[in-house]
Amino acid sequence: MELIRMQNVKKQYKTGVTAIYDLSLSIQKGEFVFVIGSTGCGKSTLIKMLYREEKPTSGKILIGGLNVGKLKNSKVYKLRRKIGVVFQDFKLLNRSTVYENVAFALEIFGLPKEEIHTKVLKVLDLVGLKHKSKNYPNELSGGEQQRVAIARSIVNGPKLLICDEPTGNLDENTSMEIMDVLDQINKMGTTVIMVTHDIEIVKRMKKRVILLDSGRILKDYEEGTYTHEGIKDF
């Protein structure tokens, strides 16, 4: 079943710069999709429109049947309850423990403490950090901090997980550990969309790959068909 449909989407900023041109795209529930391309090709704009940090200038973006571009600002929270977002720089609360960082994502919805406790420990176990629930971010490695960020982003059971360069600050081995976690989350039913510059990860994972160039889809590779041959480095 289709989770995301983008129809003839254009994004032009007030500066006059057009980041996305007439882009149409369909993503099915449960897919794992990489979005790649050179700097300035429109990757960040594309995913920002998905979690409604940016609005399309024209065209339509549907997520689970919800018209994201038409959402009033006061209703954006309804969309974000269904979406998890993982960033390159973790965005953790440094004065809060691992447990508190993840619990915060549920506390804002006013859930009972018992339910929060159960859900937080479950996702920390999933990302392999249950034993560090009382540690603070500065006591963790970069890879562990990213695992906390992932746990926080999925603790509410989102249907869609958007990852913006989640391995950008990590070494090769740690990056692959993070990818194993994301792959496991995907296999549990969550749709994953990941922006990356790391072509080695893309090649190893053998997922669907969307190559952007100057705001347009240059190539849409089906799962397992991506080849880096003849494509410039990003």
C-alpha atoms as a PDB file:
ATOM      1  CA  MET A   1       0.000   0.000   0.000  1.00  0.00           C
ATOM      2  CA  GLU A   2       1.135   3.524  -0.771  1.00  0.00           C
ATOM      3  CA  LEU A   3       2.283   5.686   2.143  1.00  0.00           C
ATOM      4  CA  ILE A   4       3.665   8.742   0.324  1.00  0.00           C
ATOM      5  CA  ARG A   5       2.631  10.355  -2.932  1.00  0.00           C
ATOM      6  CA  MET A   6       4.203  13.515  -4.295  1.00  0.00           C
ATOM      7  CA  GLN A   7       2.489  14.936  -7.391  1.00  0.00           C
ATOM      8  CA  ASN A   8       4.115  17.632  -9.535  1.00  0.00           C
ATOM      9  CA  VAL A   9       5.778  19.204  -6.511  1.00  0.00           C
ATOM     10  CA  LYS A  10       7.693  22.444  -6.912  1.00  0.00           C
ATOM     11  CA  LYS A  11       9.544  24.348  -4.198  1.00  0.00           C
ATOM     12  CA  GLN A  12      10.722  27.875  -4.872  1.00  0.00           C
ATOM     13  CA  TYR A  13      12.154  29.958  -2.039  1.00  0.00           C
ATOM     14  CA  LYS A  14      11.488  33.665  -1.563  1.00  0.00           C
ATOM     15  CA  THR A  15      15.005  34.343  -2.847  1.00  0.00           C
ATOM     16  CA  GLY A  16      13.845  33.084  -6.219  1.00  0.00           C
ATOM     17  CA  VAL A  17      15.891  29.877  -5.986  1.00  0.00           C
ATOM     18  CA  THR A  18      13.982  26.781  -7.099  1.00  0.00           C
ATOM     19  CA  ALA A  19      15.074  23.691  -5.159  1.00  0.00           C
ATOM     20  CA  ILE A  20      12.540  21.162  -6.494  1.00  0.00           C
ATOM     21  CA  TYR A  21      11.040  21.104 -10.014  1.00  0.00           C
ATOM     22  CA  ASP A  22       7.823  19.254 -10.909  1.00  0.00           C
ATOM     23  CA  LEU A  23       8.737  16.187  -8.846  1.00  0.00           C
ATOM     24  CA  SER A  24       6.441  13.165  -8.676  1.00  0.00           C
ATOM     25  CA  LEU A  25       7.171  10.192  -6.457  1.00  0.00           C
ATOM     26  CA  SER A  26       5.420   7.240  -4.804  1.00  0.00           C
ATOM     27  CA  ILE A  27       6.715   5.323  -1.767  1.00  0.00           C
ATOM     28  CA  GLN A  28       5.014   2.210  -0.464  1.00  0.00           C
ATOM     29  CA  LYS A  29       4.474   1.262   3.177  1.00  0.00           C
ATOM     30  CA  GLY A  30       7.432  -0.673   4.515  1.00  0.00           C
ATOM     31  CA  GLU A  31       9.954   0.504   1.912  1.00  0.00           C
ATOM     32  CA  PHE A  32      13.509   1.562   2.724  1.00  0.00           C
ATOM     33  CA  VAL A  33      14.517   4.361   0.345  1.00  0.00           C
ATOM     34  CA  PHE A  34      17.812   6.207  -0.001  1.00  0.00           C
ATOM     35  CA  VAL A  35      17.813   9.743  -1.423  1.00  0.00           C
ATOM     36  CA  ILE A  36      21.181  10.704  -2.865  1.00  0.00           C
ATOM     37  CA  GLY A  37      22.672  13.456  -5.025  1.00  0.00           C
ATOM     38  CA  SER A  38      25.269  16.202  -5.028  1.00  0.00           C
ATOM     39  CA  THR A  39      25.186  19.150  -2.627  1.00  0.00           C
ATOM     40  CA  GLY A  40      22.386  21.540  -3.564  1.00  0.00           C
ATOM     41  CA  CYS A  41      20.395  18.967  -5.553  1.00  0.00           C
ATOM     42  CA  GLY A  42      17.298  19.324  -3.345  1.00  0.00           C
ATOM     43  CA  LYS A  43      17.655  16.382  -0.923  1.00  0.00           C
ATOM     44  CA  SER A  44      17.165  18.411   2.252  1.00  0.00           C
ATOM     45  CA  THR A  45      14.298  20.410   0.790  1.00  0.00           C
ATOM     46  CA  LEU A  46      12.558  17.204  -0.239  1.00  0.00           C
ATOM     47  CA  ILE A  47      12.587  15.664   3.222  1.00  0.00           C
ATOM     48  CA  LYS A  48      11.832  18.959   4.977  1.00  0.00           C
ATOM     49  CA  MET A  49       8.611  19.095   2.971  1.00  0.00           C
ATOM     50  CA  LEU A  50       7.753  15.582   4.158  1.00  0.00           C
ATOM     51  CA  TYR A  51       7.813  16.571   7.827  1.00  0.00           C
ATOM     52  CA  ARG A  52       6.391  20.013   7.014  1.00  0.00           C
ATOM     53  CA  GLU A  53       9.304  22.205   7.947  1.00  0.00           C
ATOM     54  CA  GLU A  54       8.850  23.558   4.408  1.00  0.00           C
ATOM     55  CA  LYS A  55       5.714  23.842   2.269  1.00  0.00           C
ATOM     56  CA  PRO A  56       5.626  23.076  -1.448  1.00  0.00           C
ATOM     57  CA  THR A  57       5.096  26.108  -3.680  1.00  0.00           C
ATOM     58  CA  SER A  58       2.809  24.012  -5.859  1.00  0.00           C
ATOM     59  CA  GLY A  59       1.820  20.395  -6.292  1.00  0.00           C
ATOM     60  CA  LYS A  60       0.570  17.915  -3.723  1.00  0.00           C
ATOM     61  CA  ILE A  61       2.236  15.865  -0.964  1.00  0.00           C
ATOM     62  CA  LEU A  62       0.132  13.109   0.582  1.00  0.00           C
ATOM     63  CA  ILE A  63       1.313  11.042   3.563  1.00  0.00           C
ATOM     64  CA  GLY A  64      -1.138   8.361   4.593  1.00  0.00           C
ATOM     65  CA  GLY A  65      -3.792  10.271   2.668  1.00  0.00           C
ATOM     66  CA  LEU A  66      -3.078  13.502   4.576  1.00  0.00           C
ATOM     67  CA  ASN A  67      -2.367  16.543   2.385  1.00  0.00           C
ATOM     68  CA  VAL A  68       0.756  17.808   4.127  1.00  0.00           C
ATOM     69  CA  GLY A  69       1.068  21.059   2.215  1.00  0.00           C
ATOM     70  CA  LYS A  70      -2.460  22.125   3.124  1.00  0.00           C
ATOM     71  CA  LEU A  71      -2.046  21.470   6.853  1.00  0.00           C
ATOM     72  CA  LYS A  72      -2.566  24.496   9.064  1.00  0.00           C
ATOM     73  CA  ASN A  73       0.416  25.250  11.291  1.00  0.00           C
ATOM     74  CA  SER A  74      -1.722  24.485  14.333  1.00  0.00           C
ATOM     75  CA  LYS A  75      -2.349  20.960  12.988  1.00  0.00           C
ATOM     76  CA  VAL A  76       1.223  20.027  12.025  1.00  0.00           C
ATOM     77  CA  TYR A  77       1.601  18.135  15.315  1.00  0.00           C
ATOM     78  CA  LYS A  78      -0.873  15.551  13.997  1.00  0.00           C
ATOM     79  CA  LEU A  79       1.527  14.763  11.170  1.00  0.00           C
ATOM     80  CA  ARG A  80       4.619  14.721  13.373  1.00  0.00           C
ATOM     81  CA  ARG A  81       3.041  12.224  15.737  1.00  0.00           C
ATOM     82  CA  LYS A  82       3.215   9.780  12.832  1.00  0.00           C
ATOM     83  CA  ILE A  83       6.748  10.666  11.730  1.00  0.00           C
ATOM     84  CA  GLY A  84      10.142  10.184  13.384  1.00  0.00           C
ATOM     85  CA  VAL A  85      13.113  12.305  12.288  1.00  0.00           C
ATOM     86  CA  VAL A  86      16.799  11.548  12.895  1.00  0.00           C
ATOM     87  CA  PHE A  87      19.410  14.247  12.245  1.00  0.00           C
ATOM     88  CA  GLN A  88      23.161  14.170  11.702  1.00  0.00           C
ATOM     89  CA  ASP A  89      23.924  16.104  14.906  1.00  0.00           C
ATOM     90  CA  PHE A  90      21.796  13.994  17.292  1.00  0.00           C
ATOM     91  CA  LYS A  91      19.994  17.004  18.897  1.00  0.00           C
ATOM     92  CA  LEU A  92      20.007  15.426  22.376  1.00  0.00           C
ATOM     93  CA  LEU A  93      19.316  17.251  25.634  1.00  0.00           C
ATOM     94  CA  ASN A  94      22.756  17.297  27.253  1.00  0.00           C
ATOM     95  CA  ARG A  95      21.490  17.780  30.806  1.00  0.00           C
ATOM     96  CA  SER A  96      19.069  14.862  30.556  1.00  0.00           C
ATOM     97  CA  THR A  97      19.837  11.162  30.836  1.00  0.00           C
ATOM     98  CA  VAL A  98      19.404   8.710  27.974  1.00  0.00           C
ATOM     99  CA  TYR A  99      16.084   7.631  29.493  1.00  0.00           C
ATOM    100  CA  GLU A 100      14.904  11.238  29.900  1.00  0.00           C
ATOM    101  CA  ASN A 101      15.862  12.135  26.324  1.00  0.00           C
ATOM    102  CA  VAL A 102      13.697   9.335  24.949  1.00  0.00           C
ATOM    103  CA  ALA A 103      10.877   9.805  27.469  1.00  0.00           C
ATOM    104  CA  PHE A 104      10.592  13.483  26.549  1.00  0.00           C
ATOM    105  CA  ALA A 105       9.200  12.523  23.145  1.00  0.00           C
ATOM    106  CA  LEU A 106       6.258  10.854  24.907  1.00  0.00           C
ATOM    107  CA  GLU A 107       5.805  13.280  27.802  1.00  0.00           C
ATOM    108  CA  ILE A 108       4.787  16.050  25.415  1.00  0.00           C
ATOM    109  CA  PHE A 109       1.767  13.893  24.515  1.00  0.00           C
ATOM    110  CA  GLY A 110       0.795  13.527  28.160  1.00  0.00           C
ATOM    111  CA  LEU A 111       1.045   9.742  28.343  1.00  0.00           C
ATOM    112  CA  PRO A 112       0.904   7.982  31.753  1.00  0.00           C
ATOM    113  CA  LYS A 113       4.291   7.432  33.430  1.00  0.00           C
ATOM    114  CA  GLU A 114       3.855   3.647  33.423  1.00  0.00           C
ATOM    115  CA  GLU A 115       3.246   3.594  29.665  1.00  0.00           C
ATOM    116  CA  ILE A 116       6.201   5.908  29.059  1.00  0.00           C
ATOM    117  CA  HIS A 117       8.457   3.699  31.161  1.00  0.00           C
ATOM    118  CA  THR A 118       7.493   0.560  29.253  1.00  0.00           C
ATOM    119  CA  LYS A 119       7.911   2.146  25.824  1.00  0.00           C
ATOM    120  CA  VAL A 120      11.230   3.825  26.620  1.00  0.00           C
ATOM    121  CA  LEU A 121      12.852   0.654  27.942  1.00  0.00           C
ATOM    122  CA  LYS A 122      11.549  -1.292  24.942  1.00  0.00           C
ATOM    123  CA  VAL A 123      13.146   1.008  22.357  1.00  0.00           C
ATOM    124  CA  LEU A 124      16.371   1.379  24.340  1.00  0.00           C
ATOM    125  CA  ASP A 125      16.597  -2.405  24.325  1.00  0.00           C
ATOM    126  CA  LEU A 126      15.981  -2.382  20.563  1.00  0.00           C
ATOM    127  CA  VAL A 127      18.914  -0.022  19.938  1.00  0.00           C
ATOM    128  CA  GLY A 128      21.133  -1.819  22.475  1.00  0.00           C
ATOM    129  CA  LEU A 129      21.295   0.919  25.109  1.00  0.00           C
ATOM    130  CA  LYS A 130      18.989  -0.272  27.872  1.00  0.00           C
ATOM    131  CA  HIS A 131      22.033  -0.688  30.132  1.00  0.00           C
ATOM    132  CA  LYS A 132      22.952   2.990  29.644  1.00  0.00           C
ATOM    133  CA  SER A 133      19.552   4.493  30.416  1.00  0.00           C
ATOM    134  CA  LYS A 134      20.977   6.524  33.324  1.00  0.00           C
ATOM    135  CA  ASN A 135      23.979   7.865  31.427  1.00  0.00           C
ATOM    136  CA  TYR A 136      24.205  11.388  30.004  1.00  0.00           C
ATOM    137  CA  PRO A 137      24.977  12.157  26.335  1.00  0.00           C
ATOM    138  CA  ASN A 138      28.543  13.319  27.122  1.00  0.00           C
ATOM    139  CA  GLU A 139      29.236   9.880  28.562  1.00  0.00           C
ATOM    140  CA  LEU A 140      28.372   8.177  25.274  1.00  0.00           C
ATOM    141  CA  SER A 141      30.220   7.653  22.001  1.00  0.00           C
ATOM    142  CA  GLY A 142      28.935   9.312  18.820  1.00  0.00           C
ATOM    143  CA  GLY A 143      27.371   6.054  17.689  1.00  0.00           C
ATOM    144  CA  GLU A 144      25.623   5.596  21.029  1.00  0.00           C
ATOM    145  CA  GLN A 145      24.297   9.157  20.909  1.00  0.00           C
ATOM    146  CA  GLN A 146      22.855   8.477  17.472  1.00  0.00           C
ATOM    147  CA  ARG A 147      21.215   5.311  18.809  1.00  0.00           C
ATOM    148  CA  VAL A 148      19.558   7.428  21.500  1.00  0.00           C
ATOM    149  CA  ALA A 149      18.342   9.830  18.816  1.00  0.00           C
ATOM    150  CA  ILE A 150      16.914   6.903  16.849  1.00  0.00           C
ATOM    151  CA  ALA A 151      15.231   5.498  19.960  1.00  0.00           C
ATOM    152  CA  ARG A 152      13.655   8.895  20.638  1.00  0.00           C
ATOM    153  CA  SER A 153      12.408   9.139  17.059  1.00  0.00           C
ATOM    154  CA  ILE A 154      10.669   5.727  17.088  1.00  0.00           C
ATOM    155  CA  VAL A 155       9.402   5.521  20.675  1.00  0.00           C
ATOM    156  CA  ASN A 156       5.961   6.720  19.594  1.00  0.00           C
ATOM    157  CA  GLY A 157       5.716   4.021  16.915  1.00  0.00           C
ATOM    158  CA  PRO A 158       5.849   6.232  13.803  1.00  0.00           C
ATOM    159  CA  LYS A 159       4.764   4.861  10.439  1.00  0.00           C
ATOM    160  CA  LEU A 160       7.566   6.825   8.756  1.00  0.00           C
ATOM    161  CA  LEU A 161      11.169   7.426   9.839  1.00  0.00           C
ATOM    162  CA  ILE A 162      13.081  10.191   8.034  1.00  0.00           C
ATOM    163  CA  CYS A 163      16.859  10.170   8.451  1.00  0.00           C
ATOM    164  CA  ASP A 164      18.924  13.185   7.384  1.00  0.00           C
ATOM    165  CA  GLU A 165      22.579  12.100   7.084  1.00  0.00           C
ATOM    166  CA  PRO A 166      22.377  10.016  10.312  1.00  0.00           C
ATOM    167  CA  THR A 167      25.875   8.581   9.798  1.00  0.00           C
ATOM    168  CA  GLY A 168      27.519  11.819   8.655  1.00  0.00           C
ATOM    169  CA  ASN A 169      29.537  12.287  11.862  1.00  0.00           C
ATOM    170  CA  LEU A 170      30.410   8.620  12.400  1.00  0.00           C
ATOM    171  CA  ASP A 171      33.235   6.330  11.316  1.00  0.00           C
ATOM    172  CA  GLU A 172      32.665   3.464   8.890  1.00  0.00           C
ATOM    173  CA  ASN A 173      32.161   0.686  11.443  1.00  0.00           C
ATOM    174  CA  THR A 174      29.847   2.753  13.630  1.00  0.00           C
ATOM    175  CA  SER A 175      27.902   3.841  10.542  1.00  0.00           C
ATOM    176  CA  MET A 176      27.204   0.231   9.621  1.00  0.00           C
ATOM    177  CA  GLU A 177      26.043  -0.480  13.180  1.00  0.00           C
ATOM    178  CA  ILE A 178      23.557   2.377  12.856  1.00  0.00           C
ATOM    179  CA  MET A 179      22.431   1.029   9.487  1.00  0.00           C
ATOM    180  CA  ASP A 180      21.826  -2.379  11.067  1.00  0.00           C
ATOM    181  CA  VAL A 181      19.547  -0.692  13.621  1.00  0.00           C
ATOM    182  CA  LEU A 182      17.664   1.195  10.896  1.00  0.00           C
ATOM    183  CA  ASP A 183      17.338  -1.994   8.849  1.00  0.00           C
ATOM    184  CA  GLN A 184      15.876  -3.793  11.859  1.00  0.00           C
ATOM    185  CA  ILE A 185      13.377  -0.974  12.409  1.00  0.00           C
ATOM    186  CA  ASN A 186      12.403  -1.166   8.746  1.00  0.00           C
ATOM    187  CA  LYS A 187      11.884  -4.931   8.958  1.00  0.00           C
ATOM    188  CA  MET A 188       9.470  -4.312  11.845  1.00  0.00           C
ATOM    189  CA  GLY A 189       7.250  -2.390   9.415  1.00  0.00           C
ATOM    190  CA  THR A 190       8.397   1.231   9.590  1.00  0.00           C
ATOM    191  CA  THR A 191       8.973   2.982   6.282  1.00  0.00           C
ATOM    192  CA  VAL A 192      12.457   4.538   6.207  1.00  0.00           C
ATOM    193  CA  ILE A 193      13.645   7.399   3.997  1.00  0.00           C
ATOM    194  CA  MET A 194      17.315   8.271   4.370  1.00  0.00           C
ATOM    195  CA  VAL A 195      19.350  11.083   2.839  1.00  0.00           C
ATOM    196  CA  THR A 196      23.053  10.284   2.630  1.00  0.00           C
ATOM    197  CA  HIS A 197      26.321  11.134   0.908  1.00  0.00           C
ATOM    198  CA  ASP A 198      27.800   7.774   1.880  1.00  0.00           C
ATOM    199  CA  ILE A 199      27.700   5.773  -1.336  1.00  0.00           C
ATOM    200  CA  GLU A 200      29.376   2.752   0.321  1.00  0.00           C
ATOM    201  CA  ILE A 201      26.402   2.419   2.665  1.00  0.00           C
ATOM    202  CA  VAL A 202      23.995   2.717  -0.246  1.00  0.00           C
ATOM    203  CA  LYS A 203      25.825   0.007  -2.182  1.00  0.00           C
ATOM    204  CA  ARG A 204      25.942  -2.372   0.786  1.00  0.00           C
ATOM    205  CA  MET A 205      22.305  -1.997   1.825  1.00  0.00           C
ATOM    206  CA  LYS A 206      20.859  -2.787  -1.622  1.00  0.00           C
ATOM    207  CA  LYS A 207      17.656  -0.795  -1.133  1.00  0.00           C
ATOM    208  CA  ARG A 208      15.671   1.447  -3.454  1.00  0.00           C
ATOM    209  CA  VAL A 209      17.692   4.532  -4.416  1.00  0.00           C
ATOM    210  CA  ILE A 210      16.402   7.871  -5.700  1.00  0.00           C
ATOM    211  CA  LEU A 211      19.073  10.004  -7.360  1.00  0.00           C
ATOM    212  CA  LEU A 212      18.313  13.727  -7.459  1.00  0.00           C
ATOM    213  CA  ASP A 213      19.976  16.239  -9.737  1.00  0.00           C
ATOM    214  CA  SER A 214      19.126  19.956  -9.736  1.00  0.00           C
ATOM    215  CA  GLY A 215      15.770  19.389  -8.050  1.00  0.00           C
ATOM    216  CA  ARG A 216      14.653  16.583 -10.339  1.00  0.00           C
ATOM    217  CA  ILE A 217      14.686  12.793 -10.135  1.00  0.00           C
ATOM    218  CA  LEU A 218      17.511  11.745 -12.413  1.00  0.00           C
ATOM    219  CA  LYS A 219      17.098   8.028 -11.690  1.00  0.00           C
ATOM    220  CA  ASP A 220      14.894   5.827  -9.498  1.00  0.00           C
ATOM    221  CA  TYR A 221      16.637   2.505  -8.866  1.00  0.00           C
ATOM    222  CA  GLU A 222      14.500  -0.409  -7.732  1.00  0.00           C
ATOM    223  CA  GLU A 223      15.644  -2.323  -4.662  1.00  0.00           C
ATOM    224  CA  GLY A 224      18.992  -4.002  -5.237  1.00  0.00           C
ATOM    225  CA  THR A 225      19.631  -2.477  -8.685  1.00  0.00           C
ATOM    226  CA  TYR A 226      21.690   0.600  -7.770  1.00  0.00           C
ATOM    227  CA  THR A 227      25.116   0.840  -9.348  1.00  0.00           C
ATOM    228  CA  HIS A 228      27.591   3.640  -8.730  1.00  0.00           C
ATOM    229  CA  GLU A 229      29.295   3.147 -12.081  1.00  0.00           C
ATOM    230  CA  GLY A 230      29.304   6.272 -14.218  1.00  0.00           C
ATOM    231  CA  ILE A 231      27.748   8.427 -11.490  1.00  0.00           C
ATOM    232  CA  LYS A 232      29.775  11.293 -10.097  1.00  0.00           C
ATOM    233  CA  ASP A 233      30.801  11.282  -6.453  1.00  0.00           C
ATOM    234  CA  PHE A 234      28.657  13.103  -3.951  1.00  0.00           C
END
